[in-house]
Protein backbone atom coordinates (compact mmCIF):
# COMPACT_ATOMS: atom_id res chain seq x y z
CA UNK A 1 6.37 -2.86 14.43
CA UNK A 2 6.25 -1.52 10.87
CA UNK A 3 6.38 2.21 10.38
CA UNK A 4 5.58 3.79 7.04
CA UNK A 5 6.92 7.21 6.21
CA UNK A 6 5.48 9.21 3.35
CA UNK A 7 7.90 11.48 1.54
CA UNK A 8 6.86 15.12 1.48
CA UNK A 9 9.50 16.07 -1.06
CA UNK A 10 7.81 17.83 -3.97
CA UNK A 11 8.34 16.39 -7.42
CA UNK A 12 9.14 18.63 -10.37
CA UNK A 13 6.04 19.82 -12.21
CA UNK A 14 6.84 17.70 -15.28
CA UNK A 15 7.07 14.42 -13.35
CA UNK A 16 3.86 15.21 -11.43
CA UNK A 17 2.14 15.72 -14.76
CA UNK A 18 3.42 12.37 -16.08
CA UNK A 19 2.38 10.55 -12.91
CA UNK A 20 -1.21 11.63 -13.51
CA UNK A 21 -1.20 9.61 -16.74
CA UNK A 22 -0.70 12.51 -19.11
CA UNK A 23 1.75 12.34 -21.98
CA UNK A 24 4.54 14.81 -22.58
CA UNK A 25 2.93 16.23 -25.70
CA UNK A 26 5.80 18.58 -26.51
CA UNK A 27 8.21 15.63 -26.60
CA UNK A 28 5.80 13.52 -28.66
CA UNK A 29 5.41 16.30 -31.24
CA UNK A 30 9.18 16.29 -31.76
CA UNK A 31 9.28 12.56 -32.64
CA UNK A 32 9.87 12.05 -36.38
CA UNK A 33 7.98 9.59 -38.58
CA UNK A 34 11.21 7.59 -38.95
CA UNK A 35 11.53 7.25 -35.16
CA UNK A 36 7.91 6.12 -34.92
CA UNK A 37 8.36 3.52 -37.67
CA UNK A 38 11.62 2.27 -36.13
CA UNK A 39 10.01 1.70 -32.73
CA UNK A 40 6.56 0.48 -33.82
CA UNK A 41 5.50 -3.13 -33.65
CA UNK A 42 5.84 -4.98 -37.00
CA UNK A 43 2.10 -5.76 -37.27
CA UNK A 44 1.36 -2.02 -37.39
CA UNK A 45 3.45 -1.54 -40.55
CA UNK A 46 0.77 -3.00 -42.85
CA UNK A 47 -2.17 -0.88 -41.72
CA UNK A 48 -4.10 0.60 -44.65
CA UNK A 49 -3.81 4.37 -45.12
CA UNK A 50 -7.48 4.92 -44.18
CA UNK A 51 -7.30 2.82 -40.99
CA UNK A 52 -7.81 5.76 -38.62
CA UNK A 53 -10.34 7.74 -40.71
CA UNK A 54 -13.39 6.36 -38.90
CA UNK A 55 -11.74 6.25 -35.47
CA UNK A 56 -13.30 8.02 -32.51
CA UNK A 57 -11.61 9.00 -29.27
CA UNK A 58 -13.11 7.23 -26.27
CA UNK A 59 -12.40 8.93 -22.96
CA UNK A 60 -12.08 6.50 -20.05
CA UNK A 61 -14.68 6.80 -17.31
CA UNK A 62 -13.46 8.77 -14.34
CA UNK A 63 -13.06 6.98 -11.06
CA UNK A 64 -13.07 8.38 -7.59
CA UNK A 65 -10.56 7.27 -4.99
CA UNK A 66 -12.12 6.20 -1.73
CA UNK A 67 -10.99 4.67 1.52
CA UNK A 68 -12.98 1.69 2.71
CA UNK A 69 -12.75 0.14 6.14
CA UNK A 70 -13.82 -3.50 6.28
CA UNK A 71 -14.33 -5.89 9.13
CA UNK A 72 -11.57 -8.50 9.30
CA UNK A 73 -13.95 -11.32 8.33
CA UNK A 74 -15.08 -9.45 5.21
CA UNK A 75 -11.49 -8.79 4.16
CA UNK A 76 -10.65 -12.46 4.73
CA UNK A 77 -13.64 -13.41 2.53
CA UNK A 78 -12.14 -11.40 -0.36
CA UNK A 79 -8.68 -12.83 0.21
CA UNK A 80 -10.05 -16.38 0.25
CA UNK A 81 -11.21 -15.94 -3.33
CA UNK A 82 -7.53 -15.90 -4.41
CA UNK A 83 -7.62 -12.37 -5.81
CA UNK A 84 -7.71 -10.23 -2.71
CA UNK A 85 -8.98 -6.71 -3.13
CA UNK A 86 -8.87 -5.98 -6.83
CA UNK A 87 -10.98 -4.21 -9.45
CA UNK A 88 -12.86 -7.48 -10.01
CA UNK A 89 -13.80 -7.52 -6.34
CA UNK A 90 -15.83 -4.40 -6.90
CA UNK A 91 -18.45 -6.45 -8.80
CA UNK A 92 -20.07 -7.31 -5.47
CA UNK A 93 -20.76 -3.59 -4.92
CA UNK A 94 -22.31 -3.03 -8.36
CA UNK A 95 -26.07 -2.52 -8.54
CA UNK A 96 -28.00 -5.56 -9.73
């Protein structure tokens, strides 16, 4: 028998914020240009000065967490396709 126990210990506010995919903006604002250049990938060093002038911010689409109960045979059908339940599996639920 396998028993799963979920921890109810509350995380500090800062780590909860980071777990939601948000950056620590205060920390990022303190990073100097020299630190950025020292840790950046080499191919980014040669970007022209106007590279970001035409850039637009694209917000990712929001997703809603759901719980889905499947019959065993349906779950086995997904697993038989060698990728199990994954984002690609959701294509079968998309409208045609």
